[in-house]
Protein backbone atom coordinates (compact mmCIF):
# COMPACT_ATOMS: atom_id res chain seq x y z
CA MET A 1 81.39 109.63 84.47
CA SER A 2 77.81 109.10 85.64
CA THR A 3 75.83 109.90 88.76
CA THR A 4 72.82 108.29 90.36
CA THR A 5 70.85 108.69 93.58
CA LEU A 6 70.73 105.72 95.95
CA HIS A 7 68.48 106.07 99.01
CA ASP A 8 70.16 108.89 100.97
CA ILE A 9 73.18 109.64 98.75
CA THR A 10 74.28 110.57 95.26
CA VAL A 11 77.02 108.33 93.84
CA THR A 12 79.49 109.18 91.09
CA TYR A 13 80.78 106.22 89.09
CA ASP A 14 82.40 105.00 85.88
CA ASP A 15 80.69 102.23 83.90
CA THR A 16 82.79 101.22 80.92
CA GLY A 17 82.83 98.42 78.36
CA GLY A 18 80.32 95.58 78.28
CA ASP A 19 78.94 95.94 74.78
CA ALA A 20 78.49 92.19 74.41
CA PRO A 21 74.96 90.78 74.20
CA GLN A 22 73.13 90.59 77.52
CA GLY A 23 74.64 87.87 79.68
CA GLY A 24 77.60 87.47 77.35
CA GLY A 25 80.33 89.12 79.38
CA ASP A 26 81.83 89.56 82.81
CA VAL A 27 81.17 92.48 85.11
CA LEU A 28 84.20 93.58 87.15
CA VAL A 29 83.49 95.94 90.06
CA LEU A 30 86.47 97.69 91.67
CA VAL A 31 86.28 99.30 95.13
CA HIS A 32 88.80 101.96 96.08
CA GLY A 33 90.63 102.33 99.39
CA HIS A 34 91.02 105.12 101.93
CA PRO A 35 91.54 108.00 101.41
CA PHE A 36 91.33 107.67 97.65
CA ASP A 37 88.61 107.74 94.99
CA ARG A 38 87.60 105.77 91.92
CA SER A 39 90.41 107.34 89.85
CA MET A 40 92.87 104.95 91.55
CA TRP A 41 91.40 102.28 89.25
CA ARG A 42 91.73 104.28 86.02
CA PRO A 43 94.62 102.13 84.71
CA GLN A 44 92.66 98.92 85.29
CA ILE A 45 89.55 100.36 83.64
CA GLU A 46 91.69 101.13 80.59
CA THR A 47 93.13 97.61 80.59
CA PHE A 48 90.08 95.48 81.30
CA ALA A 49 87.01 97.29 79.95
CA HIS A 50 86.12 95.96 76.50
CA PRO A 51 83.04 94.62 74.69
CA GLY A 52 83.20 91.34 76.58
CA ARG A 53 83.80 92.83 80.00
CA ARG A 54 82.09 95.68 81.81
CA VAL A 55 84.08 97.50 84.49
CA ILE A 56 82.36 99.57 87.19
CA ALA A 57 84.20 101.78 89.70
CA ALA A 58 82.35 104.16 92.00
CA ASP A 59 83.33 106.81 94.51
CA LEU A 60 82.33 105.48 97.91
CA ARG A 61 80.10 107.69 100.03
CA GLY A 62 82.26 110.37 101.62
CA TYR A 63 84.86 110.31 98.83
CA GLY A 64 85.37 111.81 95.39
CA GLY A 65 82.18 113.11 93.83
CA SER A 66 79.78 111.13 96.03
CA THR A 67 77.76 112.52 98.92
CA VAL A 68 79.65 113.29 102.12
CA LEU A 69 77.84 112.40 105.33
CA PRO A 70 79.63 113.14 108.62
CA GLY A 71 79.58 110.82 111.59
CA LYS A 72 80.37 107.14 111.05
CA THR A 73 80.26 104.95 107.95
CA THR A 74 80.57 101.21 108.57
CA LEU A 75 81.75 98.57 106.14
CA THR A 76 78.17 97.29 106.11
CA THR A 77 76.91 100.66 104.88
CA PHE A 78 79.50 100.70 102.10
CA ALA A 79 78.51 97.15 101.07
CA TRP A 80 74.82 98.01 100.93
CA ASP A 81 75.67 101.05 98.79
CA ILE A 82 77.44 98.78 96.29
CA ALA A 83 74.48 96.41 96.23
CA ALA A 84 72.11 99.32 95.61
CA LEU A 85 74.28 100.60 92.75
CA LEU A 86 74.33 97.14 91.15
CA ASP A 87 70.55 96.97 91.48
CA ARG A 88 70.24 100.39 89.82
CA LEU A 89 72.49 99.22 86.97
CA ASP A 90 70.59 95.91 86.65
CA VAL A 91 73.68 93.85 87.45
CA ASP A 92 73.29 90.51 89.22
CA ARG A 93 76.61 88.69 89.78
CA VAL A 94 80.03 90.30 89.59
CA VAL A 95 83.73 89.76 89.98
CA LEU A 96 84.28 92.01 93.00
CA GLY A 97 87.68 93.50 93.79
CA GLY A 98 88.92 95.98 96.34
CA LEU A 99 92.16 97.37 97.73
CA SER A 100 92.90 98.10 101.40
CA MET A 101 89.65 99.39 102.93
CA GLY A 102 88.07 98.44 99.63
CA GLY A 103 89.14 94.84 100.21
CA GLN A 104 87.47 94.84 103.61
CA ILE A 105 84.30 96.21 102.00
CA VAL A 106 84.54 93.33 99.51
CA LEU A 107 84.72 90.82 102.37
CA GLU A 108 81.70 92.44 104.01
CA PHE A 109 79.80 92.37 100.71
CA TYR A 110 80.56 88.67 100.35
CA ARG A 111 79.36 88.06 103.93
CA LEU A 112 76.07 89.77 103.13
CA PHE A 113 75.52 88.83 99.49
CA PRO A 114 77.54 85.71 98.57
CA GLU A 115 75.09 84.81 95.82
CA ARG A 116 75.99 88.02 93.97
CA VAL A 117 79.73 87.30 93.80
CA ARG A 118 81.27 85.30 90.97
CA ALA A 119 84.87 85.80 92.11
CA LEU A 120 86.86 87.92 94.58
CA VAL A 121 89.98 90.06 94.24
CA LEU A 122 91.53 91.10 97.56
CA ALA A 123 94.41 93.54 97.13
CA ASP A 124 96.66 94.84 99.92
CA THR A 125 94.10 94.23 102.64
CA PHE A 126 93.63 92.04 105.69
CA ALA A 127 90.84 90.06 107.30
CA ALA A 128 91.45 90.43 111.03
CA ALA A 129 89.23 92.45 113.34
CA GLU A 130 90.45 95.78 114.65
CA THR A 131 92.50 95.65 117.84
CA GLU A 132 91.76 97.82 120.86
CA PRO A 133 94.85 100.03 120.22
CA GLY A 134 93.81 100.20 116.58
CA LYS A 135 90.35 101.46 117.51
CA VAL A 136 91.90 104.23 119.61
CA ALA A 137 94.28 105.16 116.77
CA ARG A 138 91.50 105.30 114.15
CA HIS A 139 89.33 107.57 116.29
CA ALA A 140 92.33 109.79 117.03
CA MET A 141 93.14 110.03 113.32
CA ALA A 142 89.51 110.86 112.53
CA ASP A 143 89.68 113.74 115.00
CA ARG A 144 92.97 114.90 113.50
CA LEU A 145 91.63 114.93 109.93
CA LEU A 146 88.65 117.02 111.01
CA ARG A 147 90.95 119.39 112.85
CA GLU A 148 93.80 119.73 110.32
CA GLY A 149 92.31 118.74 106.98
CA MET A 150 93.85 116.15 104.65
CA GLY A 151 96.99 118.00 103.56
CA PRO A 152 99.35 117.25 106.47
CA TYR A 153 98.23 113.61 106.58
CA ALA A 154 98.74 113.18 102.83
CA ASP A 155 102.27 114.56 102.95
CA GLU A 156 103.10 112.43 105.99
CA VAL A 157 101.99 109.03 104.67
CA LEU A 158 102.82 109.32 100.96
CA THR A 159 106.11 107.41 101.24
CA ARG A 160 104.45 104.70 103.32
CA ILE A 161 101.70 104.17 100.75
CA VAL A 162 103.94 104.45 97.69
CA THR A 163 107.44 103.14 98.41
CA PRO A 164 110.12 105.87 98.52
CA HIS A 165 111.90 104.50 95.47
CA ASN A 166 108.64 104.60 93.50
CA VAL A 167 107.90 108.15 94.67
CA ALA A 168 111.22 109.12 93.09
CA ALA A 169 110.96 106.94 90.00
CA LEU A 170 107.24 107.45 89.29
CA PRO A 171 106.48 111.13 89.99
CA ALA A 172 103.19 111.03 88.08
CA VAL A 173 101.96 108.12 90.21
CA ALA A 174 103.12 109.79 93.42
CA GLY A 175 101.44 113.04 92.39
CA HIS A 176 98.16 111.25 91.62
CA VAL A 177 98.18 109.51 95.00
CA ARG A 178 98.99 112.75 96.84
CA ASP A 179 96.25 114.59 94.96
CA MET A 180 93.64 111.93 95.77
CA MET A 181 94.48 112.06 99.46
CA ARG A 182 94.52 115.85 99.64
CA ALA A 183 91.19 116.06 97.80
CA ALA A 184 89.40 113.55 100.05
CA PRO A 185 86.71 115.27 102.14
CA PRO A 186 87.86 115.17 105.80
CA GLU A 187 84.32 114.46 107.03
CA GLY A 188 83.99 111.43 104.75
CA ALA A 189 87.45 110.09 105.57
CA ALA A 190 86.83 110.53 109.31
CA ALA A 191 83.46 108.77 109.07
CA ALA A 192 85.10 105.80 107.35
CA LEU A 193 87.84 105.62 109.98
CA ARG A 194 85.27 105.54 112.75
CA GLY A 195 83.37 102.79 110.93
CA ARG A 196 86.51 100.73 110.37
CA ALA A 197 87.24 100.91 114.09
CA GLU A 198 84.21 98.60 114.44
CA ARG A 199 85.45 96.21 111.75
CA PRO A 200 84.49 92.58 112.50
CA ASP A 201 86.77 89.57 112.17
CA TYR A 202 86.59 88.01 108.70
CA VAL A 203 89.29 85.41 109.34
CA GLY A 204 86.72 82.87 110.50
CA MET A 205 84.77 83.38 107.28
CA LEU A 206 87.69 82.68 104.94
CA GLY A 207 87.23 78.91 104.89
CA ARG A 208 83.63 79.36 103.73
CA VAL A 209 84.50 81.47 100.68
CA ALA A 210 83.24 79.35 97.80
CA VAL A 211 84.27 81.40 94.77
CA PRO A 212 87.60 81.78 92.95
CA THR A 213 89.75 84.31 94.79
CA LEU A 214 92.87 86.27 93.88
CA VAL A 215 94.91 87.77 96.73
CA VAL A 216 97.38 90.45 95.60
CA VAL A 217 99.95 92.34 97.68
CA GLY A 218 102.94 94.57 97.10
CA SER A 219 106.18 92.99 98.32
CA GLU A 220 107.06 96.20 100.20
CA ASP A 221 103.62 97.05 101.59
CA GLU A 222 104.02 98.49 105.12
CA TYR A 223 100.32 98.69 105.94
CA THR A 224 99.26 95.20 104.86
CA PRO A 225 102.41 93.10 104.51
CA VAL A 226 102.75 89.81 102.66
CA ALA A 227 102.09 87.89 105.89
CA ASP A 228 98.56 89.35 106.03
CA ALA A 229 97.97 88.34 102.42
CA ARG A 230 99.11 84.79 103.19
CA VAL A 231 96.54 84.51 105.99
CA MET A 232 93.84 85.12 103.39
CA SER A 233 95.33 83.07 100.55
CA GLU A 234 95.90 80.09 102.86
CA GLY A 235 92.52 80.46 104.56
CA ILE A 236 90.41 80.68 101.40
CA PRO A 237 90.12 77.35 99.59
CA ASP A 238 92.15 77.27 96.35
CA ALA A 239 92.93 80.99 96.47
CA THR A 240 95.73 82.37 94.28
CA LEU A 241 98.40 84.64 95.79
CA ALA A 242 100.27 87.18 93.67
CA VAL A 243 103.12 89.12 95.29
CA ILE A 244 104.03 92.16 93.20
CA ASP A 245 107.76 92.82 93.53
CA GLY A 246 108.89 96.38 94.13
CA ALA A 247 105.43 97.71 95.01
CA GLY A 248 104.07 99.15 98.23
CA HIS A 249 100.42 99.60 99.20
CA LEU A 250 99.21 100.48 95.69
CA PRO A 251 100.64 97.85 93.32
CA ASN A 252 97.96 98.59 90.72
CA LEU A 253 99.59 102.02 90.28
CA GLU A 254 103.19 101.36 91.29
CA ARG A 255 103.58 98.22 89.15
CA ARG A 256 100.66 98.46 86.77
CA ALA A 257 101.92 95.93 84.21
CA GLU A 258 102.59 93.25 86.81
CA PHE A 259 99.31 93.87 88.65
CA ASP A 260 97.32 93.80 85.42
CA ALA A 261 99.05 90.61 84.33
CA ALA A 262 98.08 88.87 87.58
CA LEU A 263 94.50 90.14 87.42
CA GLY A 264 94.18 89.35 83.72
CA ALA A 265 95.39 85.77 84.18
CA PHE A 266 92.91 85.31 87.03
CA LEU A 267 89.99 86.70 85.03
CA ASP A 268 90.87 84.63 81.97
CA ALA A 269 90.92 81.45 84.07
CA LEU A 270 87.43 81.91 85.50
CA PRO A 271 84.83 79.37 84.40
CA PRO A 272 82.63 80.65 81.55
CA ILE A 273 79.36 82.30 82.44
CA THR A 274 76.48 79.90 81.88
CA SER A 275 72.73 80.45 81.95
CA ARG A 276 70.72 78.79 84.67
CA VAL A 277 67.55 77.23 83.27
CA ILE A 278 64.64 76.88 85.67
CA ASP A 279 61.60 74.80 84.82
CA GLN A 280 58.54 76.98 85.29
CA GLY A 281 56.00 74.25 84.44
CA GLY A 282 55.45 74.24 80.70
CA GLY A 283 58.37 76.50 79.87
CA VAL A 284 61.86 77.59 80.81
CA GLU A 285 63.25 80.77 82.25
CA LYS A 286 66.86 81.65 81.60
CA HIS A 287 68.96 83.55 84.15
């Protein structure tokens, strides 16, 4: 675990693997969803971090060990935070993946910084703008979290996030998910909900995505069903869709082996990293 200060916040993050010579390996950045923290990606860090691949997972502002700022946190703010962290870590282009809210942050990051993205992973998320009823519901939930704390909400939604049969069969996974939700700072979670109420429409952008993209979804996801995943996989040129059987909203935890197999196959199929050589007039500069 490491911490760093970025403009107005302190960010806690994990930065693992990547011992290959400079420029010799991939960088995979994983963005958690709401109301979780970077520990939701612990299994994937264990699987994919090695000398040839660096894996970075941070607590978003308002979550985990990062600074909590009340009010409203937009997807744009989250995306700029990720860019600032990559700058601090001297990382240029990345494979960028996110789940649920994290996937929407990934789409916003690509909208703002397409040149910094080598490939996208969109897990259990959707690209449509928020509806008017959805805006009302998000603001109402933000008020509720500030009033009641995270405990009642966590208990209420656990079996919608993790399918009931997985709650019973995978008590350690269910306990981890419940603990993340209960530990989330209400002010940070409420700020993110208010920001997501202003979420723009990314559907129109999908056809302009020009990098390899993996879309992943649990077959039993109630929040972002397979139909939402198909909108993205069919809208993004040459995207790959992986439906993880028997998983709900968190297939990376509920069906780790299957999720990791899909992600691993996608990463292994990416074109090799090459250096760009720019003529500087009497010499070359490698990037």
